[in-house]
Amino acid sequence: MALNKLRQLDQNSLGVTLPKDDLRIDGVLDENGELRDEHYVHIRHLEEGEWKIELLDNTSS
């Protein structure tokens, strides 16, 4: 199991990195590892210590 560190982004936000290989498989990144477009995710707290991150359909126009 890979572990990712929770990081302080600013005074009001924390973040965790997602592996680029997994994002590339889902079509979020191009062959150079850059974001293809704007993408949105839905983050939901399921229970103590468990979260779900869902990639939403690309809603950019």
PDB file of N, CA and C in Angstrom:
ATOM      1  N   MET A   1       0.848  -1.178   0.000  1.00  0.00           N
ATOM      2  CA  MET A   1       0.000   0.000   0.000  1.00  0.00           C
ATOM      3  C   MET A   1       0.894   1.241   0.000  1.00  0.00           C
ATOM      4  N   ALA A   2       0.680   2.089  -0.993  1.00  0.00           N
ATOM      5  CA  ALA A   2       1.424   3.347  -1.071  1.00  0.00           C
ATOM      6  C   ALA A   2       0.855   4.341  -0.070  1.00  0.00           C
ATOM      7  N   LEU A   3       1.727   5.110   0.555  1.00  0.00           N
ATOM      8  CA  LEU A   3       1.299   6.130   1.503  1.00  0.00           C
ATOM      9  C   LEU A   3       1.598   7.504   0.932  1.00  0.00           C
ATOM     10  N   ASN A   4       0.675   8.434   1.123  1.00  0.00           N
ATOM     11  CA  ASN A   4       0.842   9.807   0.674  1.00  0.00           C
ATOM     12  C   ASN A   4       0.678  10.715   1.874  1.00  0.00           C
ATOM     13  N   LYS A   5       1.506  11.738   1.952  1.00  0.00           N
ATOM     14  CA  LYS A   5       1.500  12.646   3.094  1.00  0.00           C
ATOM     15  C   LYS A   5       0.437  13.728   2.919  1.00  0.00           C
ATOM     16  N   LEU A   6      -0.308  13.984   3.988  1.00  0.00           N
ATOM     17  CA  LEU A   6      -1.250  15.090   4.036  1.00  0.00           C
ATOM     18  C   LEU A   6      -0.444  16.358   4.287  1.00  0.00           C
ATOM     19  N   ARG A   7      -0.670  17.409   3.476  1.00  0.00           N
ATOM     20  CA  ARG A   7       0.143  18.626   3.558  1.00  0.00           C
ATOM     21  C   ARG A   7      -0.718  19.860   3.764  1.00  0.00           C
ATOM     22  N   GLN A   8      -0.175  20.829   4.462  1.00  0.00           N
ATOM     23  CA  GLN A   8      -0.819  22.129   4.636  1.00  0.00           C
ATOM     24  C   GLN A   8      -0.630  22.920   3.350  1.00  0.00           C
ATOM     25  N   LEU A   9      -1.731  23.351   2.706  1.00  0.00           N
ATOM     26  CA  LEU A   9      -1.642  24.142   1.480  1.00  0.00           C
ATOM     27  C   LEU A   9      -1.698  25.631   1.782  1.00  0.00           C
ATOM     28  N   ASP A  10      -2.600  26.013   2.641  1.00  0.00           N
ATOM     29  CA  ASP A  10      -2.714  27.397   3.088  1.00  0.00           C
ATOM     30  C   ASP A  10      -3.416  27.370   4.439  1.00  0.00           C
ATOM     31  N   GLN A  11      -3.852  28.504   4.906  1.00  0.00           N
ATOM     32  CA  GLN A  11      -4.453  28.581   6.241  1.00  0.00           C
ATOM     33  C   GLN A  11      -5.768  27.801   6.336  1.00  0.00           C
ATOM     34  N   ASN A  12      -6.454  27.619   5.214  1.00  0.00           N
ATOM     35  CA  ASN A  12      -7.772  26.987   5.230  1.00  0.00           C
ATOM     36  C   ASN A  12      -7.840  25.638   4.522  1.00  0.00           C
ATOM     37  N   SER A  13      -6.723  25.167   3.952  1.00  0.00           N
ATOM     38  CA  SER A  13      -6.776  23.955   3.122  1.00  0.00           C
ATOM     39  C   SER A  13      -5.619  23.017   3.399  1.00  0.00           C
ATOM     40  N   LEU A  14      -5.903  21.733   3.231  1.00  0.00           N
ATOM     41  CA  LEU A  14      -4.892  20.685   3.254  1.00  0.00           C
ATOM     42  C   LEU A  14      -4.979  19.954   1.922  1.00  0.00           C
ATOM     43  N   GLY A  15      -3.946  19.226   1.566  1.00  0.00           N
ATOM     44  CA  GLY A  15      -3.962  18.504   0.306  1.00  0.00           C
ATOM     45  C   GLY A  15      -3.177  17.210   0.398  1.00  0.00           C
ATOM     46  N   VAL A  16      -3.452  16.336  -0.529  1.00  0.00           N
ATOM     47  CA  VAL A  16      -2.725  15.077  -0.665  1.00  0.00           C
ATOM     48  C   VAL A  16      -2.478  14.874  -2.160  1.00  0.00           C
ATOM     49  N   THR A  17      -1.326  14.341  -2.521  1.00  0.00           N
ATOM     50  CA  THR A  17      -1.015  14.129  -3.934  1.00  0.00           C
ATOM     51  C   THR A  17      -1.626  12.821  -4.420  1.00  0.00           C
ATOM     52  N   LEU A  18      -1.954  12.806  -5.700  1.00  0.00           N
ATOM     53  CA  LEU A  18      -2.444  11.601  -6.358  1.00  0.00           C
ATOM     54  C   LEU A  18      -1.384  11.154  -7.357  1.00  0.00           C
ATOM     55  N   PRO A  19      -1.118   9.862  -7.457  1.00  0.00           N
ATOM     56  CA  PRO A  19      -0.081   9.377  -8.362  1.00  0.00           C
ATOM     57  C   PRO A  19      -0.381   9.725  -9.827  1.00  0.00           C
ATOM     58  N   LYS A  20       0.604  10.291 -10.517  1.00  0.00           N
ATOM     59  CA  LYS A  20       0.429  10.679 -11.918  1.00  0.00           C
ATOM     60  C   LYS A  20       0.106   9.485 -12.807  1.00  0.00           C
ATOM     61  N   ASP A  21       0.688   8.332 -12.529  1.00  0.00           N
ATOM     62  CA  ASP A  21       0.399   7.153 -13.349  1.00  0.00           C
ATOM     63  C   ASP A  21      -1.086   6.813 -13.320  1.00  0.00           C
ATOM     64  N   ASP A  22      -1.704   6.905 -12.144  1.00  0.00           N
ATOM     65  CA  ASP A  22      -3.137   6.617 -12.025  1.00  0.00           C
ATOM     66  C   ASP A  22      -3.962   7.673 -12.744  1.00  0.00           C
ATOM     67  N   LEU A  23      -3.560   8.936 -12.634  1.00  0.00           N
ATOM     68  CA  LEU A  23      -4.282  10.014 -13.310  1.00  0.00           C
ATOM     69  C   LEU A  23      -4.149   9.905 -14.826  1.00  0.00           C
ATOM     70  N   ARG A  24      -2.993   9.460 -15.298  1.00  0.00           N
ATOM     71  CA  ARG A  24      -2.783   9.270 -16.735  1.00  0.00           C
ATOM     72  C   ARG A  24      -3.706   8.160 -17.257  1.00  0.00           C
ATOM     73  N   ILE A  25      -3.850   7.076 -16.506  1.00  0.00           N
ATOM     74  CA  ILE A  25      -4.732   5.971 -16.895  1.00  0.00           C
ATOM     75  C   ILE A  25      -6.172   6.460 -17.044  1.00  0.00           C
ATOM     76  N   ASP A  26      -6.592   7.373 -16.160  1.00  0.00           N
ATOM     77  CA  ASP A  26      -7.959   7.910 -16.205  1.00  0.00           C
ATOM     78  C   ASP A  26      -8.120   9.024 -17.229  1.00  0.00           C
ATOM     79  N   GLY A  27      -7.056   9.367 -17.966  1.00  0.00           N
ATOM     80  CA  GLY A  27      -7.152  10.365 -19.017  1.00  0.00           C
ATOM     81  C   GLY A  27      -7.086  11.806 -18.542  1.00  0.00           C
ATOM     82  N   VAL A  28      -6.674  12.017 -17.303  1.00  0.00           N
ATOM     83  CA  VAL A  28      -6.585  13.374 -16.750  1.00  0.00           C
ATOM     84  C   VAL A  28      -5.312  14.069 -17.237  1.00  0.00           C
ATOM     85  N   LEU A  29      -4.254  13.290 -17.462  1.00  0.00           N
ATOM     86  CA  LEU A  29      -2.966  13.834 -17.889  1.00  0.00           C
ATOM     87  C   LEU A  29      -2.662  13.415 -19.318  1.00  0.00           C
ATOM     88  N   ASP A  30      -1.876  14.241 -19.998  1.00  0.00           N
ATOM     89  CA  ASP A  30      -1.423  13.875 -21.336  1.00  0.00           C
ATOM     90  C   ASP A  30      -0.150  13.036 -21.242  1.00  0.00           C
ATOM     91  N   GLU A  31       0.431  12.706 -22.385  1.00  0.00           N
ATOM     92  CA  GLU A  31       1.629  11.854 -22.409  1.00  0.00           C
ATOM     93  C   GLU A  31       2.846  12.497 -21.757  1.00  0.00           C
ATOM     94  N   ASN A  32       2.814  13.827 -21.568  1.00  0.00           N
ATOM     95  CA  ASN A  32       3.914  14.541 -20.904  1.00  0.00           C
ATOM     96  C   ASN A  32       3.672  14.731 -19.413  1.00  0.00           C
ATOM     97  N   GLY A  33       2.569  14.187 -18.900  1.00  0.00           N
ATOM     98  CA  GLY A  33       2.268  14.312 -17.482  1.00  0.00           C
ATOM     99  C   GLY A  33       1.638  15.640 -17.098  1.00  0.00           C
ATOM    100  N   GLU A  34       1.117  16.380 -18.080  1.00  0.00           N
ATOM    101  CA  GLU A  34       0.469  17.672 -17.829  1.00  0.00           C
ATOM    102  C   GLU A  34      -1.044  17.495 -17.854  1.00  0.00           C
ATOM    103  N   LEU A  35      -1.755  18.337 -17.096  1.00  0.00           N
ATOM    104  CA  LEU A  35      -3.214  18.292 -17.104  1.00  0.00           C
ATOM    105  C   LEU A  35      -3.744  18.567 -18.496  1.00  0.00           C
ATOM    106  N   ARG A  36      -4.713  17.778 -18.940  1.00  0.00           N
ATOM    107  CA  ARG A  36      -5.324  17.971 -20.263  1.00  0.00           C
ATOM    108  C   ARG A  36      -6.236  19.188 -20.280  1.00  0.00           C
ATOM    109  N   ASP A  37      -7.114  19.324 -19.312  1.00  0.00           N
ATOM    110  CA  ASP A  37      -8.107  20.392 -19.229  1.00  0.00           C
ATOM    111  C   ASP A  37      -8.328  20.701 -17.750  1.00  0.00           C
ATOM    112  N   GLU A  38      -9.391  21.477 -17.466  1.00  0.00           N
ATOM    113  CA  GLU A  38      -9.823  21.645 -16.087  1.00  0.00           C
ATOM    114  C   GLU A  38     -10.584  20.390 -15.683  1.00  0.00           C
ATOM    115  N   HIS A  39     -10.352  19.941 -14.479  1.00  0.00           N
ATOM    116  CA  HIS A  39     -11.050  18.768 -13.957  1.00  0.00           C
ATOM    117  C   HIS A  39     -11.550  19.092 -12.564  1.00  0.00           C
ATOM    118  N   TYR A  40     -12.676  18.509 -12.227  1.00  0.00           N
ATOM    119  CA  TYR A  40     -13.257  18.691 -10.911  1.00  0.00           C
ATOM    120  C   TYR A  40     -13.434  17.338 -10.252  1.00  0.00           C
ATOM    121  N   VAL A  41     -13.278  17.326  -8.944  1.00  0.00           N
ATOM    122  CA  VAL A  41     -13.492  16.108  -8.173  1.00  0.00           C
ATOM    123  C   VAL A  41     -14.493  16.400  -7.063  1.00  0.00           C
ATOM    124  N   HIS A  42     -15.203  15.364  -6.666  1.00  0.00           N
ATOM    125  CA  HIS A  42     -16.103  15.448  -5.519  1.00  0.00           C
ATOM    126  C   HIS A  42     -15.445  14.654  -4.402  1.00  0.00           C
ATOM    127  N   ILE A  43     -15.256  15.294  -3.255  1.00  0.00           N
ATOM    128  CA  ILE A  43     -14.632  14.654  -2.107  1.00  0.00           C
ATOM    129  C   ILE A  43     -15.698  14.481  -1.037  1.00  0.00           C
ATOM    130  N   ARG A  44     -15.867  13.253  -0.595  1.00  0.00           N
ATOM    131  CA  ARG A  44     -16.913  12.959   0.385  1.00  0.00           C
ATOM    132  C   ARG A  44     -16.316  12.206   1.566  1.00  0.00           C
ATOM    133  N   HIS A  45     -16.651  12.642   2.765  1.00  0.00           N
ATOM    134  CA  HIS A  45     -16.237  11.962   3.984  1.00  0.00           C
ATOM    135  C   HIS A  45     -17.216  10.829   4.240  1.00  0.00           C
ATOM    136  N   LEU A  46     -16.739   9.582   4.264  1.00  0.00           N
ATOM    137  CA  LEU A  46     -17.605   8.426   4.449  1.00  0.00           C
ATOM    138  C   LEU A  46     -17.766   8.073   5.917  1.00  0.00           C
ATOM    139  N   GLU A  47     -16.648   8.001   6.617  1.00  0.00           N
ATOM    140  CA  GLU A  47     -16.654   7.722   8.046  1.00  0.00           C
ATOM    141  C   GLU A  47     -15.287   8.107   8.588  1.00  0.00           C
ATOM    142  N   GLU A  48     -15.097   7.980   9.872  1.00  0.00           N
ATOM    143  CA  GLU A  48     -13.836   8.397  10.468  1.00  0.00           C
ATOM    144  C   GLU A  48     -12.655   7.737   9.754  1.00  0.00           C
ATOM    145  N   GLY A  49     -11.763   8.579   9.214  1.00  0.00           N
ATOM    146  CA  GLY A  49     -10.566   8.091   8.545  1.00  0.00           C
ATOM    147  C   GLY A  49     -10.773   7.584   7.127  1.00  0.00           C
ATOM    148  N   GLU A  50     -11.984   7.713   6.576  1.00  0.00           N
ATOM    149  CA  GLU A  50     -12.239   7.214   5.224  1.00  0.00           C
ATOM    150  C   GLU A  50     -12.917   8.287   4.370  1.00  0.00           C
ATOM    151  N   TRP A  51     -12.313   8.526   3.194  1.00  0.00           N
ATOM    152  CA  TRP A  51     -12.790   9.534   2.255  1.00  0.00           C
ATOM    153  C   TRP A  51     -12.920   8.904   0.886  1.00  0.00           C
ATOM    154  N   LYS A  52     -13.795   9.473   0.062  1.00  0.00           N
ATOM    155  CA  LYS A  52     -13.934   9.029  -1.323  1.00  0.00           C
ATOM    156  C   LYS A  52     -13.704  10.236  -2.225  1.00  0.00           C
ATOM    157  N   ILE A  53     -12.850  10.064  -3.234  1.00  0.00           N
ATOM    158  CA  ILE A  53     -12.579  11.118  -4.214  1.00  0.00           C
ATOM    159  C   ILE A  53     -13.089  10.607  -5.558  1.00  0.00           C
ATOM    160  N   GLU A  54     -14.003  11.361  -6.161  1.00  0.00           N
ATOM    161  CA  GLU A  54     -14.611  10.946  -7.417  1.00  0.00           C
ATOM    162  C   GLU A  54     -14.345  11.992  -8.490  1.00  0.00           C
ATOM    163  N   LEU A  55     -13.741  11.568  -9.606  1.00  0.00           N
ATOM    164  CA  LEU A  55     -13.502  12.448 -10.744  1.00  0.00           C
ATOM    165  C   LEU A  55     -14.820  12.653 -11.473  1.00  0.00           C
ATOM    166  N   LEU A  56     -15.229  13.905 -11.621  1.00  0.00           N
ATOM    167  CA  LEU A  56     -16.483  14.213 -12.288  1.00  0.00           C
ATOM    168  C   LEU A  56     -16.252  14.358 -13.780  1.00  0.00           C
ATOM    169  N   ASP A  57     -17.311  14.255 -14.555  1.00  0.00           N
ATOM    170  CA  ASP A  57     -17.210  14.489 -15.996  1.00  0.00           C
ATOM    171  C   ASP A  57     -16.646  15.857 -16.228  1.00  0.00           C
ATOM    172  N   ASN A  58     -15.863  16.010 -17.280  1.00  0.00           N
ATOM    173  CA  ASN A  58     -15.270  17.311 -17.617  1.00  0.00           C
ATOM    174  C   ASN A  58     -16.396  18.281 -17.937  1.00  0.00           C
ATOM    175  N   THR A  59     -16.515  19.343 -17.111  1.00  0.00           N
ATOM    176  CA  THR A  59     -17.618  20.296 -17.273  1.00  0.00           C
ATOM    177  C   THR A  59     -17.168  21.600 -17.890  1.00  0.00           C
ATOM    178  N   SER A  60     -15.902  21.671 -18.345  1.00  0.00           N
ATOM    179  CA  SER A  60     -15.448  22.924 -18.966  1.00  0.00           C
ATOM    180  C   SER A  60     -16.087  23.078 -20.338  1.00  0.00           C
ATOM    181  N   SER A  61     -16.319  24.334 -20.723  1.00  0.00           N
ATOM    182  CA  SER A  61     -16.979  24.544 -22.013  1.00  0.00           C
ATOM    183  C   SER A  61     -16.014  24.981 -23.080  1.00  0.00           C
TER     184      SER A  61
END
